[in-house]
């Protein structure tokens, strides 16, 4: 794969895609940083990964939900038994306008 030329034009194109307006001072600051980042990533191109399987999910997925079973419910008296904020078989909350 041919190595891309990292210059001001490329940096400004990347900034435009990211919807950034860079000043000339920022361009001078970020250009060497962009070169360094892309150089680090270019090292990955040299690795032999022919025996590796792609991994799109690093942790195996499993169903964490329990089976939905109908069970005995609380009666109204049991549900409201420990509150003093009740009215007509319902919890009574603060007034909302």
PDB file of N, CA and C in Angstrom:
ATOM      1  N   UNK A   1       0.846  -1.173   0.000  1.00  0.00           N
ATOM      2  CA  UNK A   1       0.000   0.000   0.000  1.00  0.00           C
ATOM      3  C   UNK A   1       0.895   1.240   0.000  1.00  0.00           C
ATOM      4  N   UNK A   2       0.697   2.157  -0.943  1.00  0.00           N
ATOM      5  CA  UNK A   2       1.548   3.339  -0.995  1.00  0.00           C
ATOM      6  C   UNK A   2       1.296   4.249   0.201  1.00  0.00           C
ATOM      7  N   UNK A   3       2.369   4.861   0.655  1.00  0.00           N
ATOM      8  CA  UNK A   3       2.272   5.743   1.806  1.00  0.00           C
ATOM      9  C   UNK A   3       1.679   7.086   1.376  1.00  0.00           C
ATOM     10  N   UNK A   4       0.669   7.563   2.112  1.00  0.00           N
ATOM     11  CA  UNK A   4       0.015   8.824   1.778  1.00  0.00           C
ATOM     12  C   UNK A   4       0.915   9.989   2.170  1.00  0.00           C
ATOM     13  N   UNK A   5       0.863  11.026   1.362  1.00  0.00           N
ATOM     14  CA  UNK A   5       1.641  12.227   1.655  1.00  0.00           C
ATOM     15  C   UNK A   5       0.875  13.034   2.703  1.00  0.00           C
ATOM     16  N   UNK A   6       1.523  13.257   3.840  1.00  0.00           N
ATOM     17  CA  UNK A   6       0.904  13.999   4.927  1.00  0.00           C
ATOM     18  C   UNK A   6       1.355  15.449   4.811  1.00  0.00           C
ATOM     19  N   UNK A   7       0.435  16.301   4.407  1.00  0.00           N
ATOM     20  CA  UNK A   7       0.772  17.710   4.260  1.00  0.00           C
ATOM     21  C   UNK A   7      -0.391  18.575   4.720  1.00  0.00           C
ATOM     22  N   UNK A   8      -0.229  19.869   4.545  1.00  0.00           N
ATOM     23  CA  UNK A   8      -1.230  20.826   4.990  1.00  0.00           C
ATOM     24  C   UNK A   8      -2.573  20.584   4.293  1.00  0.00           C
ATOM     25  N   UNK A   9      -2.531  20.210   3.001  1.00  0.00           N
ATOM     26  CA  UNK A   9      -3.767  19.977   2.246  1.00  0.00           C
ATOM     27  C   UNK A   9      -4.564  18.830   2.866  1.00  0.00           C
ATOM     28  N   UNK A  10      -3.881  17.731   3.193  1.00  0.00           N
ATOM     29  CA  UNK A  10      -4.555  16.587   3.809  1.00  0.00           C
ATOM     30  C   UNK A  10      -5.115  16.962   5.177  1.00  0.00           C
ATOM     31  N   UNK A  11      -4.337  17.673   5.973  1.00  0.00           N
ATOM     32  CA  UNK A  11      -4.800  18.084   7.300  1.00  0.00           C
ATOM     33  C   UNK A  11      -6.045  18.964   7.192  1.00  0.00           C
ATOM     34  N   UNK A  12      -6.046  19.887   6.259  1.00  0.00           N
ATOM     35  CA  UNK A  12      -7.205  20.762   6.094  1.00  0.00           C
ATOM     36  C   UNK A  12      -8.420  19.984   5.601  1.00  0.00           C
ATOM     37  N   UNK A  13      -8.204  18.952   4.782  1.00  0.00           N
ATOM     38  CA  UNK A  13      -9.304  18.114   4.317  1.00  0.00           C
ATOM     39  C   UNK A  13      -9.902  17.312   5.488  1.00  0.00           C
ATOM     40  N   UNK A  14      -9.025  16.770   6.321  1.00  0.00           N
ATOM     41  CA  UNK A  14      -9.493  16.041   7.511  1.00  0.00           C
ATOM     42  C   UNK A  14     -10.251  16.989   8.437  1.00  0.00           C
ATOM     43  N   UNK A  15      -9.735  18.190   8.625  1.00  0.00           N
ATOM     44  CA  UNK A  15     -10.398  19.178   9.478  1.00  0.00           C
ATOM     45  C   UNK A  15     -11.757  19.556   8.898  1.00  0.00           C
ATOM     46  N   UNK A  16     -11.825  19.691   7.577  1.00  0.00           N
ATOM     47  CA  UNK A  16     -13.100  20.020   6.935  1.00  0.00           C
ATOM     48  C   UNK A  16     -14.113  18.898   7.146  1.00  0.00           C
ATOM     49  N   UNK A  17     -13.671  17.645   7.003  1.00  0.00           N
ATOM     50  CA  UNK A  17     -14.570  16.507   7.221  1.00  0.00           C
ATOM     51  C   UNK A  17     -15.067  16.460   8.664  1.00  0.00           C
ATOM     52  N   UNK A  18     -14.217  16.897   9.592  1.00  0.00           N
ATOM     53  CA  UNK A  18     -14.593  16.923  11.004  1.00  0.00           C
ATOM     54  C   UNK A  18     -15.293  18.229  11.380  1.00  0.00           C
ATOM     55  N   UNK A  19     -15.514  19.075  10.389  1.00  0.00           N
ATOM     56  CA  UNK A  19     -16.173  20.377  10.580  1.00  0.00           C
ATOM     57  C   UNK A  19     -15.420  21.243  11.572  1.00  0.00           C
ATOM     58  N   UNK A  20     -14.092  21.278  11.403  1.00  0.00           N
ATOM     59  CA  UNK A  20     -13.239  22.115  12.235  1.00  0.00           C
ATOM     60  C   UNK A  20     -12.654  23.227  11.383  1.00  0.00           C
ATOM     61  N   UNK A  21     -12.608  24.408  11.933  1.00  0.00           N
ATOM     62  CA  UNK A  21     -11.944  25.530  11.273  1.00  0.00           C
ATOM     63  C   UNK A  21     -10.633  25.762  11.998  1.00  0.00           C
ATOM     64  N   UNK A  22      -9.539  25.344  11.369  1.00  0.00           N
ATOM     65  CA  UNK A  22      -8.232  25.462  12.004  1.00  0.00           C
ATOM     66  C   UNK A  22      -7.548  26.753  11.585  1.00  0.00           C
ATOM     67  N   UNK A  23      -6.942  27.417  12.556  1.00  0.00           N
ATOM     68  CA  UNK A  23      -6.128  28.591  12.248  1.00  0.00           C
ATOM     69  C   UNK A  23      -4.771  28.108  11.734  1.00  0.00           C
ATOM     70  N   UNK A  24      -3.997  29.021  11.196  1.00  0.00           N
ATOM     71  CA  UNK A  24      -2.667  28.669  10.691  1.00  0.00           C
ATOM     72  C   UNK A  24      -1.780  28.149  11.829  1.00  0.00           C
ATOM     73  N   UNK A  25      -1.938  28.737  13.009  1.00  0.00           N
ATOM     74  CA  UNK A  25      -1.168  28.288  14.177  1.00  0.00           C
ATOM     75  C   UNK A  25      -1.535  26.845  14.535  1.00  0.00           C
ATOM     76  N   UNK A  26      -2.831  26.520  14.478  1.00  0.00           N
ATOM     77  CA  UNK A  26      -3.283  25.157  14.777  1.00  0.00           C
ATOM     78  C   UNK A  26      -2.805  24.171  13.722  1.00  0.00           C
ATOM     79  N   UNK A  27      -2.789  24.592  12.463  1.00  0.00           N
ATOM     80  CA  UNK A  27      -2.287  23.723  11.395  1.00  0.00           C
ATOM     81  C   UNK A  27      -0.832  23.382  11.653  1.00  0.00           C
ATOM     82  N   UNK A  28      -0.039  24.377  12.022  1.00  0.00           N
ATOM     83  CA  UNK A  28       1.378  24.142  12.302  1.00  0.00           C
ATOM     84  C   UNK A  28       1.566  23.233  13.522  1.00  0.00           C
ATOM     85  N   UNK A  29       0.651  23.319  14.474  1.00  0.00           N
ATOM     86  CA  UNK A  29       0.738  22.484  15.674  1.00  0.00           C
ATOM     87  C   UNK A  29       0.308  21.051  15.389  1.00  0.00           C
ATOM     88  N   UNK A  30      -0.799  20.882  14.632  1.00  0.00           N
ATOM     89  CA  UNK A  30      -1.384  19.563  14.440  1.00  0.00           C
ATOM     90  C   UNK A  30      -0.744  18.758  13.319  1.00  0.00           C
ATOM     91  N   UNK A  31      -0.089  19.392  12.365  1.00  0.00           N
ATOM     92  CA  UNK A  31       0.498  18.662  11.240  1.00  0.00           C
ATOM     93  C   UNK A  31       1.532  17.632  11.700  1.00  0.00           C
ATOM     94  N   UNK A  32       2.496  17.985  12.556  1.00  0.00           N
ATOM     95  CA  UNK A  32       3.430  16.949  13.027  1.00  0.00           C
ATOM     96  C   UNK A  32       2.739  15.863  13.853  1.00  0.00           C
ATOM     97  N   UNK A  33       1.699  16.250  14.601  1.00  0.00           N
ATOM     98  CA  UNK A  33       0.983  15.265  15.406  1.00  0.00           C
ATOM     99  C   UNK A  33       0.247  14.266  14.518  1.00  0.00           C
ATOM    100  N   UNK A  34      -0.362  14.751  13.432  1.00  0.00           N
ATOM    101  CA  UNK A  34      -1.045  13.865  12.494  1.00  0.00           C
ATOM    102  C   UNK A  34      -0.045  12.915  11.843  1.00  0.00           C
ATOM    103  N   UNK A  35       1.109  13.424  11.487  1.00  0.00           N
ATOM    104  CA  UNK A  35       2.151  12.568  10.904  1.00  0.00           C
ATOM    105  C   UNK A  35       2.551  11.471  11.875  1.00  0.00           C
ATOM    106  N   UNK A  36       2.757  11.829  13.144  1.00  0.00           N
ATOM    107  CA  UNK A  36       3.147  10.840  14.157  1.00  0.00           C
ATOM    108  C   UNK A  36       2.077   9.762  14.340  1.00  0.00           C
ATOM    109  N   UNK A  37       0.822  10.181  14.402  1.00  0.00           N
ATOM    110  CA  UNK A  37      -0.270   9.229  14.592  1.00  0.00           C
ATOM    111  C   UNK A  37      -0.329   8.258  13.418  1.00  0.00           C
ATOM    112  N   UNK A  38      -0.257   8.789  12.197  1.00  0.00           N
ATOM    113  CA  UNK A  38      -0.335   7.917  11.026  1.00  0.00           C
ATOM    114  C   UNK A  38       0.891   7.025  10.898  1.00  0.00           C
ATOM    115  N   UNK A  39       2.045   7.493  11.353  1.00  0.00           N
ATOM    116  CA  UNK A  39       3.241   6.645  11.362  1.00  0.00           C
ATOM    117  C   UNK A  39       3.059   5.473  12.328  1.00  0.00           C
ATOM    118  N   UNK A  40       2.472   5.746  13.492  1.00  0.00           N
ATOM    119  CA  UNK A  40       2.213   4.665  14.444  1.00  0.00           C
ATOM    120  C   UNK A  40       1.261   3.635  13.849  1.00  0.00           C
ATOM    121  N   UNK A  41       0.213   4.098  13.171  1.00  0.00           N
ATOM    122  CA  UNK A  41      -0.735   3.162  12.555  1.00  0.00           C
ATOM    123  C   UNK A  41      -0.112   2.407  11.393  1.00  0.00           C
ATOM    124  N   UNK A  42       0.846   3.006  10.704  1.00  0.00           N
ATOM    125  CA  UNK A  42       1.480   2.313   9.583  1.00  0.00           C
ATOM    126  C   UNK A  42       2.283   1.102  10.071  1.00  0.00           C
ATOM    127  N   UNK A  43       2.705   1.109  11.321  1.00  0.00           N
ATOM    128  CA  UNK A  43       3.396  -0.053  11.883  1.00  0.00           C
ATOM    129  C   UNK A  43       2.488  -1.275  11.937  1.00  0.00           C
ATOM    130  N   UNK A  44       1.190  -1.045  12.069  1.00  0.00           N
ATOM    131  CA  UNK A  44       0.247  -2.161  12.102  1.00  0.00           C
ATOM    132  C   UNK A  44       0.176  -2.875  10.758  1.00  0.00           C
ATOM    133  N   UNK A  45       0.439  -2.150   9.664  1.00  0.00           N
ATOM    134  CA  UNK A  45       0.425  -2.764   8.334  1.00  0.00           C
ATOM    135  C   UNK A  45       1.509  -3.834   8.191  1.00  0.00           C
ATOM    136  N   UNK A  46       2.548  -3.760   8.983  1.00  0.00           N
ATOM    137  CA  UNK A  46       3.675  -4.693   8.875  1.00  0.00           C
ATOM    138  C   UNK A  46       3.448  -5.983   9.660  1.00  0.00           C
ATOM    139  N   UNK A  47       2.404  -6.040  10.462  1.00  0.00           N
ATOM    140  CA  UNK A  47       2.146  -7.234  11.256  1.00  0.00           C
ATOM    141  C   UNK A  47       1.540  -8.345  10.401  1.00  0.00           C
ATOM    142  N   UNK A  48       1.932  -9.591  10.695  1.00  0.00           N
ATOM    143  CA  UNK A  48       1.363 -10.747  10.013  1.00  0.00           C
ATOM    144  C   UNK A  48       0.144 -11.213  10.809  1.00  0.00           C
ATOM    145  N   UNK A  49      -1.019 -10.969  10.261  1.00  0.00           N
ATOM    146  CA  UNK A  49      -2.255 -11.345  10.932  1.00  0.00           C
ATOM    147  C   UNK A  49      -3.008 -12.406  10.135  1.00  0.00           C
ATOM    148  N   UNK A  50      -2.294 -13.121   9.269  1.00  0.00           N
ATOM    149  CA  UNK A  50      -2.946 -14.095   8.399  1.00  0.00           C
ATOM    150  C   UNK A  50      -3.573 -15.256   9.172  1.00  0.00           C
ATOM    151  N   UNK A  51      -3.051 -15.573  10.355  1.00  0.00           N
ATOM    152  CA  UNK A  51      -3.585 -16.690  11.139  1.00  0.00           C
ATOM    153  C   UNK A  51      -4.610 -16.238  12.174  1.00  0.00           C
ATOM    154  N   UNK A  52      -4.912 -14.964  12.229  1.00  0.00           N
ATOM    155  CA  UNK A  52      -5.851 -14.432  13.216  1.00  0.00           C
ATOM    156  C   UNK A  52      -7.244 -14.331  12.625  1.00  0.00           C
ATOM    157  N   UNK A  53      -8.235 -14.614  13.465  1.00  0.00           N
ATOM    158  CA  UNK A  53      -9.627 -14.489  13.065  1.00  0.00           C
ATOM    159  C   UNK A  53     -10.123 -13.085  13.433  1.00  0.00           C
ATOM    160  N   UNK A  54     -10.929 -12.480  12.561  1.00  0.00           N
ATOM    161  CA  UNK A  54     -11.465 -11.170  12.918  1.00  0.00           C
ATOM    162  C   UNK A  54     -12.352 -11.266  14.150  1.00  0.00           C
ATOM    163  N   UNK A  55     -12.286 -10.263  14.979  1.00  0.00           N
ATOM    164  CA  UNK A  55     -13.090 -10.231  16.198  1.00  0.00           C
ATOM    165  C   UNK A  55     -13.877  -8.940  16.224  1.00  0.00           C
ATOM    166  N   UNK A  56     -15.163  -9.054  16.021  1.00  0.00           N
ATOM    167  CA  UNK A  56     -16.013  -7.875  16.035  1.00  0.00           C
ATOM    168  C   UNK A  56     -16.638  -7.663  17.402  1.00  0.00           C
ATOM    169  N   UNK A  57     -16.599  -8.694  18.242  1.00  0.00           N
ATOM    170  CA  UNK A  57     -17.147  -8.601  19.586  1.00  0.00           C
ATOM    171  C   UNK A  57     -16.105  -9.185  20.536  1.00  0.00           C
ATOM    172  N   UNK A  58     -15.409  -8.342  21.303  1.00  0.00           N
ATOM    173  CA  UNK A  58     -14.323  -8.858  22.152  1.00  0.00           C
ATOM    174  C   UNK A  58     -14.785  -9.762  23.285  1.00  0.00           C
ATOM    175  N   UNK A  59     -16.016  -9.603  23.719  1.00  0.00           N
ATOM    176  CA  UNK A  59     -16.551 -10.424  24.805  1.00  0.00           C
ATOM    177  C   UNK A  59     -17.707 -11.242  24.240  1.00  0.00           C
ATOM    178  N   UNK A  60     -17.718 -12.553  24.451  1.00  0.00           N
ATOM    179  CA  UNK A  60     -18.815 -13.365  23.914  1.00  0.00           C
ATOM    180  C   UNK A  60     -20.165 -12.888  24.450  1.00  0.00           C
ATOM    181  N   UNK A  61     -21.144 -12.845  23.568  1.00  0.00           N
ATOM    182  CA  UNK A  61     -22.474 -12.422  23.965  1.00  0.00           C
ATOM    183  C   UNK A  61     -23.245 -13.597  24.541  1.00  0.00           C
ATOM    184  N   UNK A  62     -24.017 -13.333  25.568  1.00  0.00           N
ATOM    185  CA  UNK A  62     -24.885 -14.351  26.126  1.00  0.00           C
ATOM    186  C   UNK A  62     -26.150 -13.675  26.622  1.00  0.00           C
ATOM    187  N   UNK A  63     -27.214 -14.404  26.668  1.00  0.00           N
ATOM    188  CA  UNK A  63     -28.477 -13.872  27.123  1.00  0.00           C
ATOM    189  C   UNK A  63     -28.430 -13.728  28.638  1.00  0.00           C
ATOM    190  N   UNK A  64     -28.608 -12.520  29.137  1.00  0.00           N
ATOM    191  CA  UNK A  64     -28.539 -12.289  30.576  1.00  0.00           C
ATOM    192  C   UNK A  64     -29.924 -12.173  31.209  1.00  0.00           C
ATOM    193  N   UNK A  65     -30.952 -12.310  30.397  1.00  0.00           N
ATOM    194  CA  UNK A  65     -32.303 -12.194  30.920  1.00  0.00           C
ATOM    195  C   UNK A  65     -32.802 -13.549  31.401  1.00  0.00           C
ATOM    196  N   UNK A  66     -33.553 -13.521  32.462  1.00  0.00           N
ATOM    197  CA  UNK A  66     -34.140 -14.749  32.982  1.00  0.00           C
ATOM    198  C   UNK A  66     -35.391 -15.081  32.176  1.00  0.00           C
ATOM    199  N   UNK A  67     -35.808 -16.309  32.257  1.00  0.00           N
ATOM    200  CA  UNK A  67     -37.037 -16.708  31.599  1.00  0.00           C
ATOM    201  C   UNK A  67     -38.206 -16.026  32.312  1.00  0.00           C
ATOM    202  N   UNK A  68     -39.147 -15.523  31.558  1.00  0.00           N
ATOM    203  CA  UNK A  68     -40.280 -14.812  32.127  1.00  0.00           C
ATOM    204  C   UNK A  68     -41.334 -15.820  32.577  1.00  0.00           C
ATOM    205  N   UNK A  69     -41.504 -15.923  33.892  1.00  0.00           N
ATOM    206  CA  UNK A  69     -42.471 -16.858  34.460  1.00  0.00           C
ATOM    207  C   UNK A  69     -43.482 -16.085  35.287  1.00  0.00           C
ATOM    208  N   UNK A  70     -44.735 -16.458  35.174  1.00  0.00           N
ATOM    209  CA  UNK A  70     -45.780 -15.841  35.992  1.00  0.00           C
ATOM    210  C   UNK A  70     -45.663 -16.385  37.408  1.00  0.00           C
ATOM    211  N   UNK A  71     -45.633 -15.496  38.379  1.00  0.00           N
ATOM    212  CA  UNK A  71     -45.550 -15.880  39.781  1.00  0.00           C
ATOM    213  C   UNK A  71     -46.590 -15.111  40.581  1.00  0.00           C
ATOM    214  N   UNK A  72     -46.714 -15.458  41.840  1.00  0.00           N
ATOM    215  CA  UNK A  72     -47.680 -14.807  42.707  1.00  0.00           C
ATOM    216  C   UNK A  72     -47.293 -13.335  42.887  1.00  0.00           C
ATOM    217  N   UNK A  73     -48.255 -12.450  42.737  1.00  0.00           N
ATOM    218  CA  UNK A  73     -48.036 -11.008  42.897  1.00  0.00           C
ATOM    219  C   UNK A  73     -48.391 -10.586  44.317  1.00  0.00           C
ATOM    220  N   UNK A  74     -47.917  -9.419  44.701  1.00  0.00           N
ATOM    221  CA  UNK A  74     -48.284  -8.850  45.988  1.00  0.00           C
ATOM    222  C   UNK A  74     -49.725  -8.375  45.935  1.00  0.00           C
ATOM    223  N   UNK A  75     -50.390  -8.511  47.027  1.00  0.00           N
ATOM    224  CA  UNK A  75     -51.738  -7.944  47.102  1.00  0.00           C
ATOM    225  C   UNK A  75     -51.593  -6.434  47.294  1.00  0.00           C
ATOM    226  N   UNK A  76     -52.685  -5.719  47.109  1.00  0.00           N
ATOM    227  CA  UNK A  76     -52.667  -4.268  47.292  1.00  0.00           C
ATOM    228  C   UNK A  76     -52.251  -3.925  48.717  1.00  0.00           C
ATOM    229  N   UNK A  77     -52.765  -4.665  49.672  1.00  0.00           N
ATOM    230  CA  UNK A  77     -52.439  -4.407  51.077  1.00  0.00           C
ATOM    231  C   UNK A  77     -50.946  -4.630  51.353  1.00  0.00           C
ATOM    232  N   UNK A  78     -50.376  -5.697  50.771  1.00  0.00           N
ATOM    233  CA  UNK A  78     -48.951  -5.979  50.973  1.00  0.00           C
ATOM    234  C   UNK A  78     -48.087  -4.902  50.312  1.00  0.00           C
ATOM    235  N   UNK A  79     -48.464  -4.476  49.118  1.00  0.00           N
ATOM    236  CA  UNK A  79     -47.684  -3.470  48.397  1.00  0.00           C
ATOM    237  C   UNK A  79     -47.708  -2.126  49.111  1.00  0.00           C
ATOM    238  N   UNK A  80     -48.850  -1.746  49.652  1.00  0.00           N
ATOM    239  CA  UNK A  80     -48.988  -0.437  50.298  1.00  0.00           C
ATOM    240  C   UNK A  80     -48.812  -0.498  51.813  1.00  0.00           C
ATOM    241  N   UNK A  81     -48.459  -1.656  52.324  1.00  0.00           N
ATOM    242  CA  UNK A  81     -48.394  -1.870  53.764  1.00  0.00           C
ATOM    243  C   UNK A  81     -47.379  -1.010  54.492  1.00  0.00           C
ATOM    244  N   UNK A  82     -46.282  -0.631  53.887  1.00  0.00           N
ATOM    245  CA  UNK A  82     -45.221   0.102  54.582  1.00  0.00           C
ATOM    246  C   UNK A  82     -45.182   1.586  54.245  1.00  0.00           C
ATOM    247  N   UNK A  83     -46.241   2.115  53.675  1.00  0.00           N
ATOM    248  CA  UNK A  83     -46.244   3.540  53.345  1.00  0.00           C
ATOM    249  C   UNK A  83     -47.435   4.232  53.976  1.00  0.00           C
ATOM    250  N   UNK A  84     -47.210   5.475  54.318  1.00  0.00           N
ATOM    251  CA  UNK A  84     -48.332   6.281  54.798  1.00  0.00           C
ATOM    252  C   UNK A  84     -48.867   7.162  53.672  1.00  0.00           C
ATOM    253  N   UNK A  85     -48.188   7.154  52.534  1.00  0.00           N
ATOM    254  CA  UNK A  85     -48.584   7.963  51.377  1.00  0.00           C
ATOM    255  C   UNK A  85     -49.392   7.104  50.407  1.00  0.00           C
ATOM    256  N   UNK A  86     -50.658   6.912  50.744  1.00  0.00           N
ATOM    257  CA  UNK A  86     -51.518   6.101  49.893  1.00  0.00           C
ATOM    258  C   UNK A  86     -52.913   6.697  49.862  1.00  0.00           C
ATOM    259  N   UNK A  87     -53.616   6.423  48.771  1.00  0.00           N
ATOM    260  CA  UNK A  87     -54.993   6.898  48.632  1.00  0.00           C
ATOM    261  C   UNK A  87     -55.693   6.006  47.623  1.00  0.00           C
ATOM    262  N   UNK A  88     -56.819   5.458  47.983  1.00  0.00           N
ATOM    263  CA  UNK A  88     -57.635   4.637  47.090  1.00  0.00           C
ATOM    264  C   UNK A  88     -56.832   3.525  46.413  1.00  0.00           C
ATOM    265  N   UNK A  89     -56.078   2.775  47.166  1.00  0.00           N
ATOM    266  CA  UNK A  89     -55.301   1.631  46.669  1.00  0.00           C
ATOM    267  C   UNK A  89     -54.163   2.020  45.711  1.00  0.00           C
ATOM    268  N   UNK A  90     -53.668   3.258  45.813  1.00  0.00           N
ATOM    269  CA  UNK A  90     -52.534   3.721  44.983  1.00  0.00           C
ATOM    270  C   UNK A  90     -51.523   4.422  45.872  1.00  0.00           C
ATOM    271  N   UNK A  91     -50.273   4.473  45.422  1.00  0.00           N
ATOM    272  CA  UNK A  91     -49.288   5.307  46.088  1.00  0.00           C
ATOM    273  C   UNK A  91     -49.636   6.757  45.795  1.00  0.00           C
ATOM    274  N   UNK A  92     -49.539   7.612  46.787  1.00  0.00           N
ATOM    275  CA  UNK A  92     -49.838   9.030  46.610  1.00  0.00           C
ATOM    276  C   UNK A  92     -48.512   9.776  46.478  1.00  0.00           C
ATOM    277  N   UNK A  93     -48.341  10.488  45.358  1.00  0.00           N
ATOM    278  CA  UNK A  93     -47.109  11.234  45.106  1.00  0.00           C
ATOM    279  C   UNK A  93     -47.356  12.716  45.236  1.00  0.00           C
ATOM    280  N   UNK A  94     -46.306  13.518  45.060  1.00  0.00           N
ATOM    281  CA  UNK A  94     -46.458  14.966  45.155  1.00  0.00           C
ATOM    282  C   UNK A  94     -47.322  15.498  44.008  1.00  0.00           C
ATOM    283  N   UNK A  95     -47.966  16.602  44.269  1.00  0.00           N
ATOM    284  CA  UNK A  95     -48.850  17.197  43.263  1.00  0.00           C
ATOM    285  C   UNK A  95     -48.013  17.749  42.110  1.00  0.00           C
ATOM    286  N   UNK A  96     -48.467  17.475  40.895  1.00  0.00           N
ATOM    287  CA  UNK A  96     -47.784  17.957  39.697  1.00  0.00           C
ATOM    288  C   UNK A  96     -48.757  18.848  38.941  1.00  0.00           C
ATOM    289  N   UNK A  97     -48.303  20.036  38.602  1.00  0.00           N
ATOM    290  CA  UNK A  97     -49.193  20.976  37.921  1.00  0.00           C
ATOM    291  C   UNK A  97     -49.074  20.801  36.429  1.00  0.00           C
TER     292      UNK A  97
END
